[in-house]
PDB file of N, CA and C in Angstrom:
ATOM      1  N   UNK A   1      21.971 -18.012  73.539  1.00  0.00           N
ATOM      2  CA  UNK A   1      23.607 -18.143  73.599  1.00  0.00           C
ATOM      3  C   UNK A   1      24.031 -18.764  74.664  1.00  0.00           C
ATOM      4  N   UNK A   2      24.941 -19.805  74.696  1.00  0.00           N
ATOM      5  CA  UNK A   2      25.173 -20.159  75.750  1.00  0.00           C
ATOM      6  C   UNK A   2      26.674 -20.385  75.688  1.00  0.00           C
ATOM      7  N   UNK A   3      27.611 -20.929  77.223  1.00  0.00           N
ATOM      8  CA  UNK A   3      28.809 -21.003  76.548  1.00  0.00           C
ATOM      9  C   UNK A   3      29.043 -22.381  76.764  1.00  0.00           C
ATOM     10  N   UNK A   4      29.885 -23.283  76.031  1.00  0.00           N
ATOM     11  CA  UNK A   4      30.298 -25.171  75.719  1.00  0.00           C
ATOM     12  C   UNK A   4      31.568 -24.797  75.469  1.00  0.00           C
ATOM     13  N   UNK A   5      31.977 -25.641  76.249  1.00  0.00           N
ATOM     14  CA  UNK A   5      33.468 -25.963  75.119  1.00  0.00           C
ATOM     15  C   UNK A   5      34.441 -24.733  75.472  1.00  0.00           C
ATOM     16  N   UNK A   6      34.148 -23.632  75.845  1.00  0.00           N
ATOM     17  CA  UNK A   6      35.227 -22.480  76.313  1.00  0.00           C
ATOM     18  C   UNK A   6      34.680 -21.760  74.825  1.00  0.00           C
ATOM     19  N   UNK A   7      33.465 -21.757  74.052  1.00  0.00           N
ATOM     20  CA  UNK A   7      33.174 -20.925  73.777  1.00  0.00           C
ATOM     21  C   UNK A   7      31.451 -20.622  73.281  1.00  0.00           C
ATOM     22  N   UNK A   8      30.618 -19.353  73.051  1.00  0.00           N
ATOM     23  CA  UNK A   8      29.548 -19.151  72.973  1.00  0.00           C
ATOM     24  C   UNK A   8      28.756 -20.331  71.643  1.00  0.00           C
ATOM     25  N   UNK A   9      27.800 -20.316  71.900  1.00  0.00           N
ATOM     26  CA  UNK A   9      27.349 -21.093  70.524  1.00  0.00           C
ATOM     27  C   UNK A   9      25.630 -21.389  71.315  1.00  0.00           C
ATOM     28  N   UNK A  10      24.843 -21.346  70.569  1.00  0.00           N
ATOM     29  CA  UNK A  10      23.588 -21.630  70.808  1.00  0.00           C
ATOM     30  C   UNK A  10      23.146 -23.179  71.323  1.00  0.00           C
ATOM     31  N   UNK A  11      21.548 -23.052  71.609  1.00  0.00           N
ATOM     32  CA  UNK A  11      21.967 -24.098  72.564  1.00  0.00           C
ATOM     33  C   UNK A  11      22.098 -25.659  71.986  1.00  0.00           C
ATOM     34  N   UNK A  12      21.441 -26.040  70.552  1.00  0.00           N
ATOM     35  CA  UNK A  12      21.433 -27.338  70.302  1.00  0.00           C
ATOM     36  C   UNK A  12      23.218 -27.485  70.324  1.00  0.00           C
ATOM     37  N   UNK A  13      23.682 -26.738  70.237  1.00  0.00           N
ATOM     38  CA  UNK A  13      25.308 -27.903  70.550  1.00  0.00           C
ATOM     39  C   UNK A  13      25.114 -28.627  71.264  1.00  0.00           C
ATOM     40  N   UNK A  14      24.223 -28.305  72.856  1.00  0.00           N
ATOM     41  CA  UNK A  14      24.429 -29.596  73.863  1.00  0.00           C
ATOM     42  C   UNK A  14      23.407 -30.949  73.094  1.00  0.00           C
ATOM     43  N   UNK A  15      22.368 -30.447  72.042  1.00  0.00           N
ATOM     44  CA  UNK A  15      22.272 -32.276  71.479  1.00  0.00           C
ATOM     45  C   UNK A  15      23.373 -32.453  70.695  1.00  0.00           C
ATOM     46  N   UNK A  16      24.413 -31.745  70.096  1.00  0.00           N
ATOM     47  CA  UNK A  16      25.556 -32.967  69.799  1.00  0.00           C
ATOM     48  C   UNK A  16      26.122 -33.821  70.821  1.00  0.00           C
ATOM     49  N   UNK A  17      25.730 -33.359  72.222  1.00  0.00           N
ATOM     50  CA  UNK A  17      26.833 -34.043  73.002  1.00  0.00           C
ATOM     51  C   UNK A  17      25.889 -34.993  73.923  1.00  0.00           C
ATOM     52  N   UNK A  18      24.712 -35.236  73.626  1.00  0.00           N
ATOM     53  CA  UNK A  18      23.518 -35.937  73.779  1.00  0.00           C
ATOM     54  C   UNK A  18      23.833 -36.973  72.743  1.00  0.00           C
ATOM     55  N   UNK A  19      23.719 -36.749  71.956  1.00  0.00           N
ATOM     56  CA  UNK A  19      23.837 -37.855  70.067  1.00  0.00           C
ATOM     57  C   UNK A  19      25.416 -38.557  70.630  1.00  0.00           C
ATOM     58  N   UNK A  20      25.699 -37.830  70.552  1.00  0.00           N
ATOM     59  CA  UNK A  20      27.407 -38.251  70.517  1.00  0.00           C
ATOM     60  C   UNK A  20      27.821 -39.258  71.293  1.00  0.00           C
ATOM     61  N   UNK A  21      26.745 -39.351  72.928  1.00  0.00           N
ATOM     62  CA  UNK A  21      26.548 -40.062  73.950  1.00  0.00           C
ATOM     63  C   UNK A  21      26.011 -41.338  73.520  1.00  0.00           C
ATOM     64  N   UNK A  22      24.932 -41.665  72.986  1.00  0.00           N
ATOM     65  CA  UNK A  22      23.998 -42.663  72.678  1.00  0.00           C
ATOM     66  C   UNK A  22      24.354 -42.591  70.900  1.00  0.00           C
ATOM     67  N   UNK A  23      25.415 -42.007  70.328  1.00  0.00           N
ATOM     68  CA  UNK A  23      25.854 -42.822  69.030  1.00  0.00           C
ATOM     69  C   UNK A  23      26.087 -44.711  68.713  1.00  0.00           C
ATOM     70  N   UNK A  24      26.277 -44.874  69.668  1.00  0.00           N
ATOM     71  CA  UNK A  24      26.782 -46.848  69.415  1.00  0.00           C
ATOM     72  C   UNK A  24      25.314 -46.984  69.499  1.00  0.00           C
ATOM     73  N   UNK A  25      24.337 -46.704  70.567  1.00  0.00           N
ATOM     74  CA  UNK A  25      22.878 -47.839  70.421  1.00  0.00           C
ATOM     75  C   UNK A  25      21.747 -46.953  68.477  1.00  0.00           C
ATOM     76  N   UNK A  26      22.547 -45.775  68.180  1.00  0.00           N
ATOM     77  CA  UNK A  26      21.968 -45.931  67.402  1.00  0.00           C
ATOM     78  C   UNK A  26      22.802 -46.694  66.027  1.00  0.00           C
ATOM     79  N   UNK A  27      21.665 -47.511  65.209  1.00  0.00           N
ATOM     80  CA  UNK A  27      22.691 -47.832  64.256  1.00  0.00           C
ATOM     81  C   UNK A  27      22.986 -47.167  62.840  1.00  0.00           C
ATOM     82  N   UNK A  28      24.443 -46.671  62.862  1.00  0.00           N
ATOM     83  CA  UNK A  28      24.973 -46.540  61.710  1.00  0.00           C
ATOM     84  C   UNK A  28      25.844 -45.289  62.829  1.00  0.00           C
ATOM     85  N   UNK A  29      26.792 -45.667  63.973  1.00  0.00           N
ATOM     86  CA  UNK A  29      27.426 -44.760  64.795  1.00  0.00           C
ATOM     87  C   UNK A  29      28.872 -43.654  64.271  1.00  0.00           C
ATOM     88  N   UNK A  30      28.984 -44.597  62.826  1.00  0.00           N
ATOM     89  CA  UNK A  30      29.905 -43.641  62.123  1.00  0.00           C
ATOM     90  C   UNK A  30      29.033 -42.209  61.464  1.00  0.00           C
ATOM     91  N   UNK A  31      28.090 -42.610  61.132  1.00  0.00           N
ATOM     92  CA  UNK A  31      27.475 -41.176  60.352  1.00  0.00           C
ATOM     93  C   UNK A  31      27.104 -40.192  61.403  1.00  0.00           C
ATOM     94  N   UNK A  32      26.609 -40.696  62.867  1.00  0.00           N
ATOM     95  CA  UNK A  32      25.920 -40.217  63.660  1.00  0.00           C
ATOM     96  C   UNK A  32      27.536 -38.887  64.182  1.00  0.00           C
ATOM     97  N   UNK A  33      28.478 -39.662  64.140  1.00  0.00           N
ATOM     98  CA  UNK A  33      30.041 -39.245  65.160  1.00  0.00           C
ATOM     99  C   UNK A  33      30.218 -37.954  63.627  1.00  0.00           C
ATOM    100  N   UNK A  34      29.777 -38.345  62.167  1.00  0.00           N
ATOM    101  CA  UNK A  34      30.513 -37.404  61.060  1.00  0.00           C
ATOM    102  C   UNK A  34      29.286 -35.945  61.045  1.00  0.00           C
ATOM    103  N   UNK A  35      27.885 -36.632  61.863  1.00  0.00           N
ATOM    104  CA  UNK A  35      27.372 -35.520  61.440  1.00  0.00           C
ATOM    105  C   UNK A  35      27.284 -34.501  62.456  1.00  0.00           C
ATOM    106  N   UNK A  36      28.170 -34.449  63.763  1.00  0.00           N
ATOM    107  CA  UNK A  36      28.165 -34.197  65.052  1.00  0.00           C
ATOM    108  C   UNK A  36      29.683 -33.427  64.892  1.00  0.00           C
ATOM    109  N   UNK A  37      30.775 -34.271  64.068  1.00  0.00           N
ATOM    110  CA  UNK A  37      31.707 -33.570  63.705  1.00  0.00           C
ATOM    111  C   UNK A  37      31.912 -32.056  63.023  1.00  0.00           C
ATOM    112  N   UNK A  38      31.244 -32.751  61.961  1.00  0.00           N
ATOM    113  CA  UNK A  38      31.147 -31.612  60.807  1.00  0.00           C
ATOM    114  C   UNK A  38      30.187 -30.137  61.163  1.00  0.00           C
ATOM    115  N   UNK A  39      28.987 -30.892  62.155  1.00  0.00           N
ATOM    116  CA  UNK A  39      28.870 -29.491  63.041  1.00  0.00           C
ATOM    117  C   UNK A  39      29.706 -28.680  63.444  1.00  0.00           C
ATOM    118  N   UNK A  40      30.387 -29.214  64.401  1.00  0.00           N
ATOM    119  CA  UNK A  40      31.197 -28.507  65.060  1.00  0.00           C
ATOM    120  C   UNK A  40      31.801 -27.604  64.532  1.00  0.00           C
ATOM    121  N   UNK A  41      32.429 -28.551  63.606  1.00  0.00           N
ATOM    122  CA  UNK A  41      33.359 -27.420  62.171  1.00  0.00           C
ATOM    123  C   UNK A  41      32.688 -26.632  61.664  1.00  0.00           C
ATOM    124  N   UNK A  42      31.165 -26.293  61.250  1.00  0.00           N
ATOM    125  CA  UNK A  42      30.312 -25.462  60.762  1.00  0.00           C
ATOM    126  C   UNK A  42      30.210 -24.322  61.918  1.00  0.00           C
ATOM    127  N   UNK A  43      30.349 -24.271  63.145  1.00  0.00           N
ATOM    128  CA  UNK A  43      30.235 -23.356  63.950  1.00  0.00           C
ATOM    129  C   UNK A  43      31.282 -22.590  64.212  1.00  0.00           C
ATOM    130  N   UNK A  44      32.557 -24.101  64.100  1.00  0.00           N
ATOM    131  CA  UNK A  44      33.573 -23.238  64.703  1.00  0.00           C
ATOM    132  C   UNK A  44      34.545 -22.208  63.308  1.00  0.00           C
ATOM    133  N   UNK A  45      33.968 -22.565  62.293  1.00  0.00           N
ATOM    134  CA  UNK A  45      34.033 -21.575  60.607  1.00  0.00           C
ATOM    135  C   UNK A  45      33.146 -21.149  60.066  1.00  0.00           C
ATOM    136  N   UNK A  46      32.255 -20.533  61.328  1.00  0.00           N
ATOM    137  CA  UNK A  46      31.410 -19.363  60.922  1.00  0.00           C
ATOM    138  C   UNK A  46      30.471 -19.795  59.862  1.00  0.00           C
ATOM    139  N   UNK A  47      30.396 -21.251  59.672  1.00  0.00           N
ATOM    140  CA  UNK A  47      29.198 -21.665  58.483  1.00  0.00           C
ATOM    141  C   UNK A  47      27.815 -21.685  58.679  1.00  0.00           C
ATOM    142  N   UNK A  48      27.146 -20.924  58.934  1.00  0.00           N
ATOM    143  CA  UNK A  48      25.818 -20.715  59.561  1.00  0.00           C
ATOM    144  C   UNK A  48      25.221 -21.934  58.920  1.00  0.00           C
ATOM    145  N   UNK A  49      24.473 -21.949  57.875  1.00  0.00           N
ATOM    146  CA  UNK A  49      23.865 -22.392  56.929  1.00  0.00           C
ATOM    147  C   UNK A  49      24.085 -24.063  56.907  1.00  0.00           C
ATOM    148  N   UNK A  50      25.599 -24.742  56.965  1.00  0.00           N
ATOM    149  CA  UNK A  50      25.956 -25.477  57.669  1.00  0.00           C
ATOM    150  C   UNK A  50      25.471 -26.272  58.594  1.00  0.00           C
ATOM    151  N   UNK A  51      26.204 -25.792  59.848  1.00  0.00           N
ATOM    152  CA  UNK A  51      25.742 -25.212  61.148  1.00  0.00           C
ATOM    153  C   UNK A  51      24.058 -26.134  61.305  1.00  0.00           C
ATOM    154  N   UNK A  52      23.056 -24.656  60.626  1.00  0.00           N
ATOM    155  CA  UNK A  52      21.747 -24.890  61.085  1.00  0.00           C
ATOM    156  C   UNK A  52      21.343 -26.119  60.434  1.00  0.00           C
ATOM    157  N   UNK A  53      21.365 -26.767  59.120  1.00  0.00           N
ATOM    158  CA  UNK A  53      21.162 -27.844  58.588  1.00  0.00           C
ATOM    159  C   UNK A  53      21.044 -29.189  59.402  1.00  0.00           C
ATOM    160  N   UNK A  54      22.565 -29.097  59.631  1.00  0.00           N
ATOM    161  CA  UNK A  54      23.046 -30.264  60.560  1.00  0.00           C
ATOM    162  C   UNK A  54      22.930 -30.309  62.082  1.00  0.00           C
ATOM    163  N   UNK A  55      21.936 -28.768  62.223  1.00  0.00           N
ATOM    164  CA  UNK A  55      21.831 -29.170  63.712  1.00  0.00           C
ATOM    165  C   UNK A  55      19.887 -29.622  63.650  1.00  0.00           C
ATOM    166  N   UNK A  56      19.665 -28.816  62.865  1.00  0.00           N
ATOM    167  CA  UNK A  56      17.849 -29.396  62.369  1.00  0.00           C
ATOM    168  C   UNK A  56      18.781 -30.913  62.376  1.00  0.00           C
ATOM    169  N   UNK A  57      18.872 -31.865  61.620  1.00  0.00           N
ATOM    170  CA  UNK A  57      18.622 -33.247  60.917  1.00  0.00           C
ATOM    171  C   UNK A  57      19.756 -33.819  62.848  1.00  0.00           C
ATOM    172  N   UNK A  58      20.546 -32.984  63.582  1.00  0.00           N
ATOM    173  CA  UNK A  58      20.734 -33.654  65.078  1.00  0.00           C
ATOM    174  C   UNK A  58      19.299 -33.803  65.799  1.00  0.00           C
ATOM    175  N   UNK A  59      18.548 -32.837  65.682  1.00  0.00           N
ATOM    176  CA  UNK A  59      17.015 -33.202  66.607  1.00  0.00           C
ATOM    177  C   UNK A  59      16.457 -33.974  65.863  1.00  0.00           C
ATOM    178  N   UNK A  60      16.107 -34.180  64.330  1.00  0.00           N
ATOM    179  CA  UNK A  60      15.464 -34.944  64.433  1.00  0.00           C
ATOM    180  C   UNK A  60      16.347 -36.292  64.598  1.00  0.00           C
ATOM    181  N   UNK A  61      16.730 -37.087  64.660  1.00  0.00           N
ATOM    182  CA  UNK A  61      17.800 -37.932  65.191  1.00  0.00           C
ATOM    183  C   UNK A  61      17.398 -37.982  66.646  1.00  0.00           C
ATOM    184  N   UNK A  62      17.863 -37.220  67.278  1.00  0.00           N
ATOM    185  CA  UNK A  62      17.791 -37.022  68.694  1.00  0.00           C
ATOM    186  C   UNK A  62      16.365 -37.295  69.433  1.00  0.00           C
ATOM    187  N   UNK A  63      15.610 -37.162  68.409  1.00  0.00           N
ATOM    188  CA  UNK A  63      14.085 -36.921  68.810  1.00  0.00           C
ATOM    189  C   UNK A  63      13.358 -37.983  69.570  1.00  0.00           C
ATOM    190  N   UNK A  64      13.756 -39.545  68.831  1.00  0.00           N
ATOM    191  CA  UNK A  64      12.850 -40.376  69.546  1.00  0.00           C
ATOM    192  C   UNK A  64      13.679 -40.764  71.368  1.00  0.00           C
ATOM    193  N   UNK A  65      14.578 -40.862  71.585  1.00  0.00           N
ATOM    194  CA  UNK A  65      15.100 -40.425  72.682  1.00  0.00           C
ATOM    195  C   UNK A  65      14.283 -39.099  73.679  1.00  0.00           C
ATOM    196  N   UNK A  66      13.458 -38.543  73.279  1.00  0.00           N
ATOM    197  CA  UNK A  66      12.834 -37.639  74.035  1.00  0.00           C
ATOM    198  C   UNK A  66      11.489 -38.794  74.338  1.00  0.00           C
ATOM    199  N   UNK A  67      10.959 -38.835  72.748  1.00  0.00           N
ATOM    200  CA  UNK A  67      10.310 -39.773  73.226  1.00  0.00           C
ATOM    201  C   UNK A  67       9.778 -41.025  73.440  1.00  0.00           C
ATOM    202  N   UNK A  68      10.869 -41.453  74.182  1.00  0.00           N
ATOM    203  CA  UNK A  68      11.411 -42.685  74.880  1.00  0.00           C
ATOM    204  C   UNK A  68      11.339 -42.160  75.858  1.00  0.00           C
ATOM    205  N   UNK A  69      10.952 -40.984  76.404  1.00  0.00           N
ATOM    206  CA  UNK A  69      11.394 -40.800  77.606  1.00  0.00           C
ATOM    207  C   UNK A  69      12.451 -40.629  78.333  1.00  0.00           C
ATOM    208  N   UNK A  70      13.958 -39.917  77.813  1.00  0.00           N
ATOM    209  CA  UNK A  70      15.275 -39.852  77.878  1.00  0.00           C
ATOM    210  C   UNK A  70      15.082 -38.678  78.928  1.00  0.00           C
ATOM    211  N   UNK A  71      15.416 -38.957  80.340  1.00  0.00           N
ATOM    212  CA  UNK A  71      15.515 -37.610  80.797  1.00  0.00           C
ATOM    213  C   UNK A  71      16.382 -36.819  80.751  1.00  0.00           C
ATOM    214  N   UNK A  72      17.366 -36.686  79.765  1.00  0.00           N
ATOM    215  CA  UNK A  72      18.363 -35.617  79.396  1.00  0.00           C
ATOM    216  C   UNK A  72      17.588 -34.699  78.068  1.00  0.00           C
ATOM    217  N   UNK A  73      17.018 -35.460  77.105  1.00  0.00           N
ATOM    218  CA  UNK A  73      16.288 -34.793  76.318  1.00  0.00           C
ATOM    219  C   UNK A  73      15.510 -33.790  77.092  1.00  0.00           C
ATOM    220  N   UNK A  74      15.759 -32.654  75.489  1.00  0.00           N
ATOM    221  CA  UNK A  74      14.754 -31.263  76.038  1.00  0.00           C
ATOM    222  C   UNK A  74      14.356 -30.526  74.551  1.00  0.00           C
ATOM    223  N   UNK A  75      12.837 -30.764  75.135  1.00  0.00           N
ATOM    224  CA  UNK A  75      12.237 -30.260  74.019  1.00  0.00           C
ATOM    225  C   UNK A  75      12.562 -28.667  73.345  1.00  0.00           C
ATOM    226  N   UNK A  76      13.054 -27.827  74.558  1.00  0.00           N
ATOM    227  CA  UNK A  76      13.464 -26.481  73.740  1.00  0.00           C
ATOM    228  C   UNK A  76      14.733 -26.143  73.154  1.00  0.00           C
ATOM    229  N   UNK A  77      15.873 -27.303  72.668  1.00  0.00           N
ATOM    230  CA  UNK A  77      16.385 -27.440  71.628  1.00  0.00           C
ATOM    231  C   UNK A  77      16.405 -26.853  70.292  1.00  0.00           C
ATOM    232  N   UNK A  78      17.149 -26.260  69.908  1.00  0.00           N
ATOM    233  CA  UNK A  78      17.165 -25.401  68.566  1.00  0.00           C
ATOM    234  C   UNK A  78      18.056 -25.172  67.909  1.00  0.00           C
ATOM    235  N   UNK A  79      17.874 -25.652  66.463  1.00  0.00           N
ATOM    236  CA  UNK A  79      19.409 -26.058  65.705  1.00  0.00           C
ATOM    237  C   UNK A  79      20.041 -24.375  65.874  1.00  0.00           C
TER     238      UNK A  79
END
């Protein structure tokens, strides 16, 4: 667990910030922003099933940045 935005969360929350910052480079920026928003809502509401599934999806979307050598990509992120 790590503290982010004043609350304790899993490491995957950083991937939401990573994706949000790159949303305009991903075809479908509104979709990425919606996924990040729903992930955050799932965390805030204690809906672990939703947060877990969306966390995995965010990692899948973000992975190509890591494959391209983005220095902020972390291979240890978990949903």
